[in-house]
């Protein structure tokens, strides 16, 4: 069958204009992911760059901000890290909340809200994830944050090997895990960018003589290790005390030992390669799970999903789920657990006692919402 297509100049111009509009929209969307999230540190925090502890990441996309508040009084040093996986937003938001509210009255607090900056500037389109989420503030303004990816952006680290061999253990992992910061510890000073980032974090922990370190995460509701504390053996006594206190306060929390045969994770490698007591914590995030329906900003913020509601009815989830799991609740769990650790640290290590106030309670965050405690952005 023979046929021909004929178009007018108007049609051609229309299609060209449409193509340019699509290019403009997608280009703007792409560039927006490369604009760093803005934070408003509480008085007393001093901003540093991670490259100050390891210059092997200086001038690279792996470098990230490190905020330190020193009370000037004796005590321990606590380190809180969010953003290992930027598709786990309650983790970075808990760190941001501490950064913007904490007042340290004994010892020191170190906060890294966006650990893997190389994973914040892209996301996973095949997952249907939104590029950002926002919070409304009491003054009517809003704060916007990026929803990134689990993995380092391939533009900084490519190609992935067929098999990723973790150093120094020699454990074999899937090649894609070479871009996973939480499989790169303790890191390599001459490795790929993700490994060098991991090495820089450990150097900071060592040189600053950190006593207690947190790596904050989220997991899908059907994952067994969720609403959980994962503790290295040197952290287990303190973690057990905190777990009991949280349970008594009506905040269910699992306590899991750090596996000795799974390498590359903070709770194992930080503990084995420094004097720090490491803790990893997981909350339940429906926007990460495999059972979810529509994936959008609303799911990230509210956790409401009819498919998870059905899975809960069938007993397939590892968290309590009453048609929601909002980010306010998830952040409240992280922050409340951290504050419990801080309060009890001096009981197991008296010389490392630290005091922090100004941080909202579990009930305040859940009832008023996270936006009530974020600082307004400075007006330009």
Protein backbone atom coordinates (compact mmCIF):
# COMPACT_ATOMS: atom_id res chain seq x y z
CA UNK A 1 0.00 0.00 0.00
CA UNK A 2 1.41 3.36 -1.02
CA UNK A 3 0.68 6.51 0.88
CA UNK A 4 2.42 9.77 1.59
CA UNK A 5 2.37 12.21 4.43
CA UNK A 6 2.31 15.89 3.68
CA UNK A 7 2.60 18.58 6.25
CA UNK A 8 2.35 22.33 6.15
CA UNK A 9 4.86 24.82 7.47
CA UNK A 10 2.44 25.54 10.31
CA UNK A 11 2.49 21.88 11.31
CA UNK A 12 6.27 21.81 11.21
CA UNK A 13 6.53 24.97 13.29
CA UNK A 14 4.01 23.63 15.79
CA UNK A 15 5.90 20.36 16.21
CA UNK A 16 9.20 22.23 16.55
CA UNK A 17 7.71 24.51 19.20
CA UNK A 18 6.30 21.49 21.02
CA UNK A 19 9.68 19.74 20.95
CA UNK A 20 11.41 22.85 22.28
CA UNK A 21 8.84 23.19 25.06
CA UNK A 22 9.35 19.57 26.10
CA UNK A 23 13.13 20.05 26.01
CA UNK A 24 12.83 23.19 28.12
CA UNK A 25 10.61 21.52 30.70
CA UNK A 26 12.75 18.40 31.00
CA UNK A 27 15.94 20.49 31.06
CA UNK A 28 14.60 22.61 33.90
CA UNK A 29 13.55 19.48 35.77
CA UNK A 30 17.00 17.93 35.25
CA UNK A 31 18.86 21.05 36.42
CA UNK A 32 16.63 21.40 39.50
CA UNK A 33 18.03 18.12 40.81
CA UNK A 34 21.50 19.69 40.78
CA UNK A 35 20.50 22.58 43.06
CA UNK A 36 21.65 21.78 46.58
CA UNK A 37 19.06 21.67 49.36
CA UNK A 38 19.26 24.71 51.64
CA UNK A 39 19.56 24.28 55.40
CA UNK A 40 19.50 26.84 58.23
CA UNK A 41 21.88 25.61 60.95
CA UNK A 42 21.05 26.49 64.55
CA UNK A 43 23.32 29.00 66.31
CA UNK A 44 26.63 27.43 67.31
CA UNK A 45 27.06 25.16 64.29
CA UNK A 46 30.15 25.79 62.17
CA UNK A 47 30.15 24.53 58.58
CA UNK A 48 33.10 22.51 57.29
CA UNK A 49 33.74 20.38 54.23
CA UNK A 50 34.37 16.67 54.49
CA UNK A 51 37.49 17.10 52.36
CA UNK A 52 39.13 18.81 55.35
CA UNK A 53 39.61 15.31 56.79
CA UNK A 54 40.58 13.66 53.48
CA UNK A 55 41.71 15.79 50.56
CA UNK A 56 41.19 12.90 48.13
CA UNK A 57 37.62 14.14 47.61
CA UNK A 58 38.46 17.86 47.46
CA UNK A 59 36.98 19.48 44.37
CA UNK A 60 34.91 16.40 43.54
CA UNK A 61 31.11 15.88 43.66
CA UNK A 62 31.68 13.57 46.65
CA UNK A 63 32.56 16.45 48.99
CA UNK A 64 29.75 17.40 51.35
CA UNK A 65 29.01 19.74 54.24
CA UNK A 66 29.88 18.79 57.82
CA UNK A 67 28.37 20.86 60.63
CA UNK A 68 29.94 20.87 64.11
CA UNK A 69 28.53 22.44 67.25
CA UNK A 70 31.01 22.46 70.14
CA UNK A 71 29.64 23.45 73.53
CA UNK A 72 33.10 24.38 74.75
CA UNK A 73 32.53 22.13 77.76
CA UNK A 74 33.99 18.65 78.35
CA UNK A 75 32.08 15.68 77.04
CA UNK A 76 31.75 13.23 74.21
CA UNK A 77 31.25 13.63 70.48
CA UNK A 78 28.15 12.33 68.70
CA UNK A 79 27.91 12.10 64.91
CA UNK A 80 24.57 11.95 63.05
CA UNK A 81 24.54 11.14 59.33
CA UNK A 82 21.59 11.25 56.96
CA UNK A 83 21.50 10.95 53.19
CA UNK A 84 23.44 7.73 52.70
CA UNK A 85 20.49 6.78 50.49
CA UNK A 86 18.62 9.91 49.30
CA UNK A 87 15.52 7.87 48.45
CA UNK A 88 15.08 7.45 52.21
CA UNK A 89 13.90 10.97 53.04
CA UNK A 90 13.12 10.63 56.75
CA UNK A 91 16.81 9.88 57.30
CA UNK A 92 18.10 13.14 55.84
CA UNK A 93 15.18 15.11 57.32
CA UNK A 94 15.93 13.82 60.84
CA UNK A 95 19.49 15.06 60.43
CA UNK A 96 18.22 18.41 59.09
CA UNK A 97 15.89 18.78 62.08
CA UNK A 98 18.76 18.21 64.52
CA UNK A 99 20.94 20.64 62.58
CA UNK A 100 18.29 23.37 62.72
CA UNK A 101 17.12 22.87 66.32
CA UNK A 102 19.88 21.40 68.50
CA UNK A 103 21.60 23.40 71.25
CA UNK A 104 24.59 21.52 72.65
CA UNK A 105 25.37 22.31 76.30
CA UNK A 106 28.05 19.65 76.90
CA UNK A 107 30.31 17.85 74.43
CA UNK A 108 29.99 18.12 70.65
CA UNK A 109 27.46 17.26 67.95
CA UNK A 110 28.50 16.62 64.33
CA UNK A 111 25.81 16.48 61.64
CA UNK A 112 26.12 15.46 57.98
CA UNK A 113 22.60 15.78 56.55
CA UNK A 114 23.44 14.86 52.94
CA UNK A 115 26.14 12.19 53.01
CA UNK A 116 26.13 11.07 49.37
CA UNK A 117 25.60 14.28 47.44
CA UNK A 118 26.30 12.32 44.25
CA UNK A 119 23.02 10.45 44.75
CA UNK A 120 20.89 13.51 45.48
CA UNK A 121 21.12 14.96 41.97
CA UNK A 122 19.27 12.14 40.22
CA UNK A 123 16.54 9.65 41.01
CA UNK A 124 15.21 6.39 39.65
CA UNK A 125 12.65 7.06 36.86
CA UNK A 126 11.78 3.39 36.57
CA UNK A 127 10.58 3.58 40.18
CA UNK A 128 8.29 6.51 39.42
CA UNK A 129 9.74 8.48 42.32
CA UNK A 130 9.05 12.21 42.59
CA UNK A 131 12.02 14.54 42.28
CA UNK A 132 11.19 16.53 45.39
CA UNK A 133 8.89 16.92 48.38
CA UNK A 134 8.00 19.94 50.48
CA UNK A 135 6.85 21.07 53.91
CA UNK A 136 4.60 24.00 54.77
CA UNK A 137 5.94 26.26 57.53
CA UNK A 138 3.88 28.22 60.07
CA UNK A 139 4.75 31.54 58.39
CA UNK A 140 3.18 30.36 55.12
CA UNK A 141 6.49 29.65 53.39
CA UNK A 142 7.63 26.23 52.26
CA UNK A 143 10.82 24.20 52.30
CA UNK A 144 11.61 21.91 49.36
CA UNK A 145 13.99 18.96 49.46
CA UNK A 146 15.17 16.54 46.79
CA UNK A 147 14.13 12.89 46.61
CA UNK A 148 17.23 11.26 45.17
CA UNK A 149 18.50 7.78 44.42
CA UNK A 150 19.99 4.93 46.40
CA UNK A 151 23.07 4.97 44.18
CA UNK A 152 25.82 7.37 43.18
CA UNK A 153 24.97 9.05 39.89
CA UNK A 154 26.53 7.14 36.98
CA UNK A 155 27.90 10.37 35.50
CA UNK A 156 30.45 10.34 38.34
CA UNK A 157 31.17 6.63 38.42
CA UNK A 158 30.79 4.49 35.32
CA UNK A 159 30.66 1.74 34.25
CA UNK A 160 29.60 -0.58 37.06
CA UNK A 161 31.61 -3.81 37.22
CA UNK A 162 29.93 -7.16 36.67
CA UNK A 163 30.93 -8.10 40.21
CA UNK A 164 31.79 -5.64 42.95
CA UNK A 165 34.53 -6.93 45.22
CA UNK A 166 34.38 -5.22 48.58
CA UNK A 167 37.71 -4.07 49.97
CA UNK A 168 39.31 -5.14 52.19
CA UNK A 169 37.09 -8.17 52.94
CA UNK A 170 37.06 -9.56 49.39
CA UNK A 171 33.32 -10.27 49.64
CA UNK A 172 31.61 -10.48 46.22
CA UNK A 173 28.49 -8.36 45.66
CA UNK A 174 26.38 -7.39 42.66
CA UNK A 175 28.16 -4.91 40.41
CA UNK A 176 25.55 -2.21 41.03
CA UNK A 177 26.54 -2.15 44.70
CA UNK A 178 29.77 -0.40 43.75
CA UNK A 179 27.65 2.79 43.72
CA UNK A 180 26.03 2.09 47.10
CA UNK A 181 27.70 4.12 49.86
CA UNK A 182 26.51 1.63 52.46
CA UNK A 183 28.49 -1.14 50.81
CA UNK A 184 31.66 0.95 50.41
CA UNK A 185 32.86 1.27 54.03
CA UNK A 186 35.56 1.45 55.36
CA UNK A 187 36.44 2.89 51.99
CA UNK A 188 39.61 3.21 49.95
CA UNK A 189 41.75 6.35 49.60
CA UNK A 190 42.43 5.49 45.94
CA UNK A 191 39.14 3.75 45.07
CA UNK A 192 36.14 4.96 43.10
CA UNK A 193 34.38 8.12 44.29
CA UNK A 194 31.92 6.24 46.48
CA UNK A 195 34.76 4.37 48.20
CA UNK A 196 36.72 7.59 48.67
CA UNK A 197 33.64 9.21 50.20
CA UNK A 198 33.35 6.30 52.64
CA UNK A 199 37.04 6.63 53.48
CA UNK A 200 36.63 10.37 54.16
CA UNK A 201 33.74 9.71 56.55
CA UNK A 202 35.78 7.18 58.51
CA UNK A 203 38.76 9.56 58.61
CA UNK A 204 36.52 12.23 60.11
CA UNK A 205 35.24 9.76 62.72
CA UNK A 206 38.77 8.73 63.64
CA UNK A 207 40.35 12.18 63.71
CA UNK A 208 37.48 13.77 65.65
CA UNK A 209 37.46 10.85 68.10
CA UNK A 210 33.71 10.33 67.71
CA UNK A 211 32.20 8.31 70.56
CA UNK A 212 28.78 7.47 69.09
CA UNK A 213 27.81 7.55 65.40
CA UNK A 214 24.44 7.18 63.68
CA UNK A 215 23.72 6.23 60.08
CA UNK A 216 20.01 6.89 59.44
CA UNK A 217 17.97 4.88 56.93
CA UNK A 218 14.50 3.84 55.81
CA UNK A 219 13.26 0.52 54.49
CA UNK A 220 10.13 -0.89 52.87
CA UNK A 221 7.38 -1.97 55.31
CA UNK A 222 7.67 -5.58 54.17
CA UNK A 223 11.40 -5.70 55.01
CA UNK A 224 12.12 -7.62 58.25
CA UNK A 225 14.73 -5.16 59.57
CA UNK A 226 12.53 -2.09 59.83
CA UNK A 227 11.61 0.16 62.78
CA UNK A 228 14.88 -1.22 64.05
CA UNK A 229 18.24 -0.41 65.59
CA UNK A 230 21.18 -2.34 64.17
CA UNK A 231 24.11 -2.31 66.57
CA UNK A 232 27.75 -3.38 66.46
CA UNK A 233 28.71 -5.54 69.42
CA UNK A 234 30.52 -2.62 71.08
CA UNK A 235 27.25 -0.61 70.84
CA UNK A 236 24.92 -3.38 71.98
CA UNK A 237 24.70 -2.56 75.69
CA UNK A 238 23.75 1.05 75.00
CA UNK A 239 21.37 0.05 72.19
CA UNK A 240 19.60 -2.45 74.46
CA UNK A 241 19.07 0.24 77.10
CA UNK A 242 17.64 2.63 74.50
CA UNK A 243 15.38 -0.04 72.99
CA UNK A 244 13.86 -0.76 76.39
CA UNK A 245 13.30 2.94 77.05
CA UNK A 246 11.59 3.41 73.68
CA UNK A 247 9.39 0.36 74.20
CA UNK A 248 8.39 1.68 77.64
CA UNK A 249 7.44 4.98 75.98
CA UNK A 250 5.17 3.17 73.51
CA UNK A 251 7.58 3.37 70.54
CA UNK A 252 8.12 -0.21 69.31
CA UNK A 253 11.71 -0.83 68.23
CA UNK A 254 13.55 -3.97 67.15
CA UNK A 255 17.16 -4.50 68.14
CA UNK A 256 19.33 -6.35 65.63
CA UNK A 257 23.00 -7.35 65.93
CA UNK A 258 25.33 -6.25 63.16
CA UNK A 259 26.08 -9.34 61.03
CA UNK A 260 29.77 -10.17 60.98
CA UNK A 261 29.56 -11.77 57.52
CA UNK A 262 27.95 -8.83 55.66
CA UNK A 263 30.62 -6.30 54.82
CA UNK A 264 30.69 -2.69 53.71
CA UNK A 265 27.99 -1.36 56.05
CA UNK A 266 28.53 1.44 58.56
CA UNK A 267 27.39 -0.55 61.59
CA UNK A 268 30.05 -3.18 60.86
CA UNK A 269 32.98 -1.30 59.32
CA UNK A 270 32.93 1.81 61.54
CA UNK A 271 32.94 -0.42 64.61
CA UNK A 272 35.71 -2.69 63.32
CA UNK A 273 37.95 0.12 62.07
CA UNK A 274 37.66 2.81 64.75
CA UNK A 275 36.87 3.32 68.42
CA UNK A 276 33.35 4.61 67.71
CA UNK A 277 30.14 2.92 68.83
CA UNK A 278 28.13 2.72 65.56
CA UNK A 279 24.36 2.55 65.22
CA UNK A 280 22.22 2.16 62.08
CA UNK A 281 18.48 2.84 62.30
CA UNK A 282 15.64 2.00 59.92
CA UNK A 283 12.10 3.37 59.71
CA UNK A 284 9.27 2.12 57.47
CA UNK A 285 8.87 4.06 54.22
CA UNK A 286 6.02 2.95 51.88
CA UNK A 287 7.42 4.99 48.96
CA UNK A 288 10.36 2.56 48.87
CA UNK A 289 8.41 -0.68 49.00
CA UNK A 290 7.56 -3.13 46.24
CA UNK A 291 3.87 -3.40 47.14
CA UNK A 292 3.02 0.28 46.68
CA UNK A 293 0.61 1.77 44.18
CA UNK A 294 0.94 5.29 42.81
CA UNK A 295 4.30 6.77 43.78
CA UNK A 296 4.18 10.53 44.22
CA UNK A 297 4.96 13.27 46.71
CA UNK A 298 1.80 12.49 48.68
CA UNK A 299 2.98 8.92 49.27
CA UNK A 300 6.39 10.18 50.43
CA UNK A 301 4.79 12.57 52.92
CA UNK A 302 1.74 10.63 54.13
CA UNK A 303 2.60 6.99 53.54
CA UNK A 304 -1.03 6.38 52.61
CA UNK A 305 -1.39 3.48 50.19
CA UNK A 306 -4.35 1.14 49.69
CA UNK A 307 -2.13 -1.75 48.65
CA UNK A 308 -0.11 -1.51 51.86
CA UNK A 309 -3.36 -1.30 53.79
CA UNK A 310 -4.37 -4.63 52.22
CA UNK A 311 -0.94 -6.14 52.88
CA UNK A 312 -1.29 -5.09 56.52
CA UNK A 313 -4.68 -6.81 56.75
CA UNK A 314 -3.04 -9.97 55.42
CA UNK A 315 -0.25 -9.75 58.00
CA UNK A 316 2.49 -9.25 55.41
CA UNK A 317 4.16 -6.17 56.95
CA UNK A 318 6.74 -5.77 59.70
CA UNK A 319 5.44 -2.42 60.98
CA UNK A 320 2.09 -1.28 62.40
CA UNK A 321 0.20 0.19 59.44
CA UNK A 322 -3.16 1.89 59.79
CA UNK A 323 -3.39 3.26 56.24
CA UNK A 324 -0.48 5.63 56.72
CA UNK A 325 3.14 5.92 57.81
CA UNK A 326 3.78 9.69 57.53
CA UNK A 327 7.20 11.22 57.30
CA UNK A 328 6.50 13.16 60.51
CA UNK A 329 6.19 9.87 62.39
CA UNK A 330 9.29 8.41 60.73
CA UNK A 331 11.40 11.48 61.55
CA UNK A 332 10.04 11.48 65.10
CA UNK A 333 11.19 7.87 65.57
CA UNK A 334 14.72 8.67 64.40
CA UNK A 335 15.08 11.87 66.40
CA UNK A 336 13.60 10.43 69.60
CA UNK A 337 15.85 7.38 69.45
CA UNK A 338 18.92 9.58 68.88
CA UNK A 339 18.03 11.76 71.86
CA UNK A 340 17.57 8.65 74.01
CA UNK A 341 21.04 7.44 73.00
CA UNK A 342 22.49 10.88 73.78
CA UNK A 343 20.89 10.91 77.24
CA UNK A 344 22.19 7.43 78.09
CA UNK A 345 25.68 7.64 76.55
CA UNK A 346 27.23 8.85 79.79
CA UNK A 347 25.86 5.82 81.64
CA UNK A 348 28.05 3.39 79.66
CA UNK A 349 30.89 5.83 78.92
CA UNK A 350 30.95 8.54 81.62
CA UNK A 351 33.73 10.59 80.02
CA UNK A 352 31.65 10.87 76.82
CA UNK A 353 28.56 12.42 78.36
CA UNK A 354 26.86 14.93 76.06
CA UNK A 355 23.87 17.20 76.61
CA UNK A 356 21.59 18.52 73.87
CA UNK A 357 18.39 20.51 74.19
CA UNK A 358 16.09 22.42 71.84
CA UNK A 359 15.02 19.27 69.97
CA UNK A 360 11.25 18.66 69.78
CA UNK A 361 9.81 15.55 71.37
CA UNK A 362 8.23 12.57 69.63
CA UNK A 363 4.73 13.80 70.44
CA UNK A 364 5.43 17.34 69.25
CA UNK A 365 6.75 16.21 65.87
CA UNK A 366 3.88 13.77 65.31
CA UNK A 367 1.17 16.19 66.41
CA UNK A 368 2.44 19.43 64.86
CA UNK A 369 4.29 18.03 61.84
CA UNK A 370 7.90 18.43 60.80
CA UNK A 371 7.25 21.73 59.04
CA UNK A 372 6.50 23.39 62.40
CA UNK A 373 10.12 22.88 63.45
CA UNK A 374 12.00 23.74 60.24
CA UNK A 375 13.51 27.20 60.08
CA UNK A 376 12.22 29.67 57.46
CA UNK A 377 14.71 30.35 54.69
CA UNK A 378 16.44 33.74 54.87
CA UNK A 379 14.78 36.29 52.63
CA UNK A 380 17.00 37.43 49.79
